[in-house]
ModelCIF file with pLDDT and N, C-alpha, C, O atoms, coordinates in Angstrom:
data_MODEL
#
_entry.id   MODEL 
#
_entity.id                         1 
_entity.type                       polymer 
_entity.pdbx_number_of_molecules   1 
#
_entity_poly.entity_id                      1 
_entity_poly.type                           'polypeptide(L)' 
_entity_poly.nstd_linkage                   no 
_entity_poly.nstd_monomer                   no 
_entity_poly.pdbx_seq_one_letter_code       WERNEQDNNGDIDSFKTIDKDSYYVNSNK 
_entity_poly.pdbx_seq_one_letter_code_can   WERNEQDNNGDIDSFKTIDKDSYYVNSNK 
_entity_poly.pdbx_strand_id                 A 
#
loop_
_entity_poly_seq.entity_id 
_entity_poly_seq.num 
_entity_poly_seq.mon_id 
_entity_poly_seq.hetero 
1 1  TRP n 
1 2  GLU n 
1 3  ARG n 
1 4  ASN n 
1 5  GLU n 
1 6  GLN n 
1 7  ASP n 
1 8  ASN n 
1 9  ASN n 
1 10 GLY n 
1 11 ASP n 
1 12 ILE n 
1 13 ASP n 
1 14 SER n 
1 15 PHE n 
1 16 LYS n 
1 17 THR n 
1 18 ILE n 
1 19 ASP n 
1 20 LYS n 
1 21 ASP n 
1 22 SER n 
1 23 TYR n 
1 24 TYR n 
1 25 VAL n 
1 26 ASN n 
1 27 SER n 
1 28 ASN n 
1 29 LYS n 
#
_struct_asym.id          A 
_struct_asym.entity_id   1 
#
loop_
_ma_qa_metric.id 
_ma_qa_metric.mode 
_ma_qa_metric.name 
_ma_qa_metric.software_group_id 
_ma_qa_metric.type 
1 global pLDDT . pLDDT 
2 local  pLDDT . pLDDT 
#
_ma_qa_metric_global.metric_id      1 
_ma_qa_metric_global.metric_value   42.10 
_ma_qa_metric_global.model_id       1 
_ma_qa_metric_global.ordinal_id     1 
#
loop_
_ma_qa_metric_local.label_asym_id 
_ma_qa_metric_local.label_comp_id 
_ma_qa_metric_local.label_seq_id 
_ma_qa_metric_local.metric_id 
_ma_qa_metric_local.metric_value 
_ma_qa_metric_local.model_id 
_ma_qa_metric_local.ordinal_id 
A TRP 1  2 41.00 1 1  
A GLU 2  2 49.00 1 2  
A ARG 3  2 49.00 1 3  
A ASN 4  2 45.00 1 4  
A GLU 5  2 42.00 1 5  
A GLN 6  2 48.00 1 6  
A ASP 7  2 47.00 1 7  
A ASN 8  2 43.00 1 8  
A ASN 9  2 42.00 1 9  
A GLY 10 2 38.00 1 10 
A ASP 11 2 37.00 1 11 
A ILE 12 2 31.00 1 12 
A ASP 13 2 35.00 1 13 
A SER 14 2 32.00 1 14 
A PHE 15 2 29.00 1 15 
A LYS 16 2 33.00 1 16 
A THR 17 2 35.00 1 17 
A ILE 18 2 37.00 1 18 
A ASP 19 2 40.00 1 19 
A LYS 20 2 40.00 1 20 
A ASP 21 2 46.00 1 21 
A SER 22 2 42.00 1 22 
A TYR 23 2 37.00 1 23 
A TYR 24 2 36.00 1 24 
A VAL 25 2 35.00 1 25 
A ASN 26 2 42.00 1 26 
A SER 27 2 47.00 1 27 
A ASN 28 2 61.00 1 28 
A LYS 29 2 82.00 1 29 
#
loop_
_atom_site.group_PDB 
_atom_site.id 
_atom_site.type_symbol 
_atom_site.label_atom_id 
_atom_site.label_alt_id 
_atom_site.label_comp_id 
_atom_site.label_asym_id 
_atom_site.label_entity_id 
_atom_site.label_seq_id 
_atom_site.pdbx_PDB_ins_code 
_atom_site.Cartn_x 
_atom_site.Cartn_y 
_atom_site.Cartn_z 
_atom_site.occupancy 
_atom_site.B_iso_or_equiv 
_atom_site.pdbx_formal_charge 
_atom_site.auth_seq_id 
_atom_site.auth_comp_id 
_atom_site.auth_asym_id 
_atom_site.auth_atom_id 
_atom_site.pdbx_PDB_model_num 
ATOM 1   N N  . TRP A 1 1  ? 83.523  103.159 91.812 1.00 41.00 ? 1  TRP A N  1 
ATOM 2   C CA . TRP A 1 1  ? 82.929  104.304 91.110 1.00 41.00 ? 1  TRP A CA 1 
ATOM 3   C C  . TRP A 1 1  ? 81.908  105.004 92.004 1.00 41.00 ? 1  TRP A C  1 
ATOM 4   O O  . TRP A 1 1  ? 81.894  106.232 92.093 1.00 41.00 ? 1  TRP A O  1 
ATOM 5   N N  . GLU A 1 2  ? 81.044  104.211 92.673 1.00 49.00 ? 2  GLU A N  1 
ATOM 6   C CA . GLU A 1 2  ? 80.023  104.798 93.529 1.00 49.00 ? 2  GLU A CA 1 
ATOM 7   C C  . GLU A 1 2  ? 80.652  105.547 94.697 1.00 49.00 ? 2  GLU A C  1 
ATOM 8   O O  . GLU A 1 2  ? 80.207  106.634 95.063 1.00 49.00 ? 2  GLU A O  1 
ATOM 9   N N  . ARG A 1 3  ? 81.701  104.950 95.280 1.00 49.00 ? 3  ARG A N  1 
ATOM 10  C CA . ARG A 1 3  ? 82.384  105.594 96.396 1.00 49.00 ? 3  ARG A CA 1 
ATOM 11  C C  . ARG A 1 3  ? 83.043  106.888 95.930 1.00 49.00 ? 3  ARG A C  1 
ATOM 12  O O  . ARG A 1 3  ? 83.041  107.889 96.647 1.00 49.00 ? 3  ARG A O  1 
ATOM 13  N N  . ASN A 1 4  ? 83.601  106.861 94.732 1.00 45.00 ? 4  ASN A N  1 
ATOM 14  C CA . ASN A 1 4  ? 84.249  108.064 94.190 1.00 45.00 ? 4  ASN A CA 1 
ATOM 15  C C  . ASN A 1 4  ? 83.236  109.197 93.999 1.00 45.00 ? 4  ASN A C  1 
ATOM 16  O O  . ASN A 1 4  ? 83.527  110.362 94.271 1.00 45.00 ? 4  ASN A O  1 
ATOM 17  N N  . GLU A 1 5  ? 82.023  108.823 93.517 1.00 42.00 ? 5  GLU A N  1 
ATOM 18  C CA . GLU A 1 5  ? 80.991  109.828 93.320 1.00 42.00 ? 5  GLU A CA 1 
ATOM 19  C C  . GLU A 1 5  ? 80.577  110.464 94.646 1.00 42.00 ? 5  GLU A C  1 
ATOM 20  O O  . GLU A 1 5  ? 80.344  111.670 94.726 1.00 42.00 ? 5  GLU A O  1 
ATOM 21  N N  . GLN A 1 6  ? 80.488  109.613 95.704 1.00 48.00 ? 6  GLN A N  1 
ATOM 22  C CA . GLN A 1 6  ? 80.134  110.124 97.020 1.00 48.00 ? 6  GLN A CA 1 
ATOM 23  C C  . GLN A 1 6  ? 81.198  111.086 97.540 1.00 48.00 ? 6  GLN A C  1 
ATOM 24  O O  . GLN A 1 6  ? 80.875  112.138 98.091 1.00 48.00 ? 6  GLN A O  1 
ATOM 25  N N  . ASP A 1 7  ? 82.456  110.723 97.365 1.00 47.00 ? 7  ASP A N  1 
ATOM 26  C CA . ASP A 1 7  ? 83.557  111.545 97.873 1.00 47.00 ? 7  ASP A CA 1 
ATOM 27  C C  . ASP A 1 7  ? 83.691  112.859 97.112 1.00 47.00 ? 7  ASP A C  1 
ATOM 28  O O  . ASP A 1 7  ? 84.280  113.815 97.616 1.00 47.00 ? 7  ASP A O  1 
ATOM 29  N N  . ASN A 1 8  ? 83.140  112.905 95.888 1.00 43.00 ? 8  ASN A N  1 
ATOM 30  C CA . ASN A 1 8  ? 83.297  114.105 95.061 1.00 43.00 ? 8  ASN A CA 1 
ATOM 31  C C  . ASN A 1 8  ? 81.957  114.777 94.765 1.00 43.00 ? 8  ASN A C  1 
ATOM 32  O O  . ASN A 1 8  ? 81.841  115.569 93.830 1.00 43.00 ? 8  ASN A O  1 
ATOM 33  N N  . ASN A 1 9  ? 80.935  114.445 95.585 1.00 42.00 ? 9  ASN A N  1 
ATOM 34  C CA . ASN A 1 9  ? 79.617  115.059 95.438 1.00 42.00 ? 9  ASN A CA 1 
ATOM 35  C C  . ASN A 1 9  ? 79.062  114.901 94.035 1.00 42.00 ? 9  ASN A C  1 
ATOM 36  O O  . ASN A 1 9  ? 78.424  115.806 93.498 1.00 42.00 ? 9  ASN A O  1 
ATOM 37  N N  . GLY A 1 10 ? 79.313  113.735 93.449 1.00 38.00 ? 10 GLY A N  1 
ATOM 38  C CA . GLY A 1 10 ? 78.754  113.456 92.142 1.00 38.00 ? 10 GLY A CA 1 
ATOM 39  C C  . GLY A 1 10 ? 79.486  114.080 90.989 1.00 38.00 ? 10 GLY A C  1 
ATOM 40  O O  . GLY A 1 10 ? 79.012  114.020 89.854 1.00 38.00 ? 10 GLY A O  1 
ATOM 41  N N  . ASP A 1 11 ? 80.647  114.686 91.248 1.00 37.00 ? 11 ASP A N  1 
ATOM 42  C CA . ASP A 1 11 ? 81.408  115.330 90.174 1.00 37.00 ? 11 ASP A CA 1 
ATOM 43  C C  . ASP A 1 11 ? 82.149  114.266 89.374 1.00 37.00 ? 11 ASP A C  1 
ATOM 44  O O  . ASP A 1 11 ? 83.314  113.974 89.639 1.00 37.00 ? 11 ASP A O  1 
ATOM 45  N N  . ILE A 1 12 ? 81.457  113.690 88.389 1.00 31.00 ? 12 ILE A N  1 
ATOM 46  C CA . ILE A 1 12 ? 82.009  112.584 87.631 1.00 31.00 ? 12 ILE A CA 1 
ATOM 47  C C  . ILE A 1 12 ? 83.217  113.006 86.820 1.00 31.00 ? 12 ILE A C  1 
ATOM 48  O O  . ILE A 1 12 ? 84.108  112.189 86.582 1.00 31.00 ? 12 ILE A O  1 
ATOM 49  N N  . ASP A 1 13 ? 83.275  114.246 86.392 1.00 35.00 ? 13 ASP A N  1 
ATOM 50  C CA . ASP A 1 13 ? 84.406  114.691 85.581 1.00 35.00 ? 13 ASP A CA 1 
ATOM 51  C C  . ASP A 1 13 ? 85.718  114.678 86.358 1.00 35.00 ? 13 ASP A C  1 
ATOM 52  O O  . ASP A 1 13 ? 86.796  114.664 85.763 1.00 35.00 ? 13 ASP A O  1 
ATOM 53  N N  . SER A 1 14 ? 85.626  114.681 87.696 1.00 32.00 ? 14 SER A N  1 
ATOM 54  C CA . SER A 1 14 ? 86.855  114.711 88.489 1.00 32.00 ? 14 SER A CA 1 
ATOM 55  C C  . SER A 1 14 ? 87.477  113.334 88.637 1.00 32.00 ? 14 SER A C  1 
ATOM 56  O O  . SER A 1 14 ? 88.581  113.207 89.167 1.00 32.00 ? 14 SER A O  1 
ATOM 57  N N  . PHE A 1 15 ? 86.783  112.301 88.175 1.00 29.00 ? 15 PHE A N  1 
ATOM 58  C CA . PHE A 1 15 ? 87.297  110.935 88.330 1.00 29.00 ? 15 PHE A CA 1 
ATOM 59  C C  . PHE A 1 15 ? 88.348  110.610 87.280 1.00 29.00 ? 15 PHE A C  1 
ATOM 60  O O  . PHE A 1 15 ? 88.158  110.866 86.091 1.00 29.00 ? 15 PHE A O  1 
ATOM 61  N N  . LYS A 1 16 ? 89.455  110.047 87.734 1.00 33.00 ? 16 LYS A N  1 
ATOM 62  C CA . LYS A 1 16 ? 90.507  109.592 86.843 1.00 33.00 ? 16 LYS A CA 1 
ATOM 63  C C  . LYS A 1 16 ? 90.895  108.177 87.246 1.00 33.00 ? 16 LYS A C  1 
ATOM 64  O O  . LYS A 1 16 ? 90.900  107.854 88.434 1.00 33.00 ? 16 LYS A O  1 
ATOM 65  N N  . THR A 1 17 ? 91.211  107.351 86.298 1.00 35.00 ? 17 THR A N  1 
ATOM 66  C CA . THR A 1 17 ? 91.613  105.994 86.613 1.00 35.00 ? 17 THR A CA 1 
ATOM 67  C C  . THR A 1 17 ? 92.984  105.987 87.254 1.00 35.00 ? 17 THR A C  1 
ATOM 68  O O  . THR A 1 17 ? 93.737  106.953 87.128 1.00 35.00 ? 17 THR A O  1 
ATOM 69  N N  . ILE A 1 18 ? 93.321  104.878 87.957 1.00 37.00 ? 18 ILE A N  1 
ATOM 70  C CA . ILE A 1 18 ? 94.539  104.855 88.751 1.00 37.00 ? 18 ILE A CA 1 
ATOM 71  C C  . ILE A 1 18 ? 95.784  104.570 87.925 1.00 37.00 ? 18 ILE A C  1 
ATOM 72  O O  . ILE A 1 18 ? 96.876  104.476 88.485 1.00 37.00 ? 18 ILE A O  1 
ATOM 73  N N  . ASP A 1 19 ? 95.652  104.428 86.602 1.00 40.00 ? 19 ASP A N  1 
ATOM 74  C CA . ASP A 1 19 ? 96.845  104.136 85.817 1.00 40.00 ? 19 ASP A CA 1 
ATOM 75  C C  . ASP A 1 19 ? 97.426  105.403 85.166 1.00 40.00 ? 19 ASP A C  1 
ATOM 76  O O  . ASP A 1 19 ? 98.076  105.316 84.124 1.00 40.00 ? 19 ASP A O  1 
ATOM 77  N N  . LYS A 1 20 ? 97.203  106.538 85.752 1.00 40.00 ? 20 LYS A N  1 
ATOM 78  C CA . LYS A 1 20 ? 97.785  107.790 85.271 1.00 40.00 ? 20 LYS A CA 1 
ATOM 79  C C  . LYS A 1 20 ? 98.629  108.406 86.384 1.00 40.00 ? 20 LYS A C  1 
ATOM 80  O O  . LYS A 1 20 ? 98.343  108.213 87.565 1.00 40.00 ? 20 LYS A O  1 
ATOM 81  N N  . ASP A 1 21 ? 99.669  109.148 86.004 1.00 46.00 ? 21 ASP A N  1 
ATOM 82  C CA . ASP A 1 21 ? 100.465 109.847 87.001 1.00 46.00 ? 21 ASP A CA 1 
ATOM 83  C C  . ASP A 1 21 ? 99.706  111.066 87.551 1.00 46.00 ? 21 ASP A C  1 
ATOM 84  O O  . ASP A 1 21 ? 99.931  111.481 88.688 1.00 46.00 ? 21 ASP A O  1 
ATOM 85  N N  . SER A 1 22 ? 98.817  111.628 86.744 1.00 42.00 ? 22 SER A N  1 
ATOM 86  C CA . SER A 1 22 ? 98.012  112.762 87.187 1.00 42.00 ? 22 SER A CA 1 
ATOM 87  C C  . SER A 1 22 ? 96.588  112.281 87.383 1.00 42.00 ? 22 SER A C  1 
ATOM 88  O O  . SER A 1 22 ? 95.937  111.906 86.407 1.00 42.00 ? 22 SER A O  1 
ATOM 89  N N  . TYR A 1 23 ? 96.085  112.278 88.594 1.00 37.00 ? 23 TYR A N  1 
ATOM 90  C CA . TYR A 1 23 ? 94.851  111.577 88.908 1.00 37.00 ? 23 TYR A CA 1 
ATOM 91  C C  . TYR A 1 23 ? 93.602  112.457 88.862 1.00 37.00 ? 23 TYR A C  1 
ATOM 92  O O  . TYR A 1 23 ? 92.543  112.002 88.431 1.00 37.00 ? 23 TYR A O  1 
ATOM 93  N N  . TYR A 1 24 ? 93.714  113.674 89.288 1.00 36.00 ? 24 TYR A N  1 
ATOM 94  C CA . TYR A 1 24 ? 92.551  114.543 89.327 1.00 36.00 ? 24 TYR A CA 1 
ATOM 95  C C  . TYR A 1 24 ? 92.851  115.844 88.594 1.00 36.00 ? 24 TYR A C  1 
ATOM 96  O O  . TYR A 1 24 ? 94.005  116.262 88.490 1.00 36.00 ? 24 TYR A O  1 
ATOM 97  N N  . VAL A 1 25 ? 91.803  116.471 88.092 1.00 35.00 ? 25 VAL A N  1 
ATOM 98  C CA . VAL A 1 25 ? 91.974  117.775 87.476 1.00 35.00 ? 25 VAL A CA 1 
ATOM 99  C C  . VAL A 1 25 ? 92.569  118.732 88.512 1.00 35.00 ? 25 VAL A C  1 
ATOM 100 O O  . VAL A 1 25 ? 93.457  119.527 88.205 1.00 35.00 ? 25 VAL A O  1 
ATOM 101 N N  . ASN A 1 26 ? 92.061  118.637 89.743 1.00 42.00 ? 26 ASN A N  1 
ATOM 102 C CA . ASN A 1 26 ? 92.629  119.385 90.859 1.00 42.00 ? 26 ASN A CA 1 
ATOM 103 C C  . ASN A 1 26 ? 93.704  118.509 91.497 1.00 42.00 ? 26 ASN A C  1 
ATOM 104 O O  . ASN A 1 26 ? 93.382  117.567 92.221 1.00 42.00 ? 26 ASN A O  1 
ATOM 105 N N  . SER A 1 27 ? 94.984  118.808 91.236 1.00 47.00 ? 27 SER A N  1 
ATOM 106 C CA . SER A 1 27 ? 96.072  117.947 91.670 1.00 47.00 ? 27 SER A CA 1 
ATOM 107 C C  . SER A 1 27 ? 96.241  117.918 93.176 1.00 47.00 ? 27 SER A C  1 
ATOM 108 O O  . SER A 1 27 ? 96.954  117.060 93.697 1.00 47.00 ? 27 SER A O  1 
ATOM 109 N N  . ASN A 1 28 ? 95.590  118.853 93.902 1.00 61.00 ? 28 ASN A N  1 
ATOM 110 C CA . ASN A 1 28 ? 95.707  118.877 95.349 1.00 61.00 ? 28 ASN A CA 1 
ATOM 111 C C  . ASN A 1 28 ? 94.778  117.884 96.024 1.00 61.00 ? 28 ASN A C  1 
ATOM 112 O O  . ASN A 1 28 ? 94.858  117.681 97.236 1.00 61.00 ? 28 ASN A O  1 
ATOM 113 N N  . LYS A 1 29 ? 93.901  117.266 95.251 1.00 82.00 ? 29 LYS A N  1 
ATOM 114 C CA . LYS A 1 29 ? 92.931  116.344 95.828 1.00 82.00 ? 29 LYS A CA 1 
ATOM 115 C C  . LYS A 1 29 ? 93.296  114.910 95.485 1.00 82.00 ? 29 LYS A C  1 
ATOM 116 O O  . LYS A 1 29 ? 92.593  113.982 95.884 1.00 82.00 ? 29 LYS A O  1 
#
């Protein structure tokens, strides 16, 4: 979780768990 926050500049809403076919709101990331 902490690493994800660093990679996304703290944008917690962009985090998705790995058990979904669609991982990020922005599918290009």
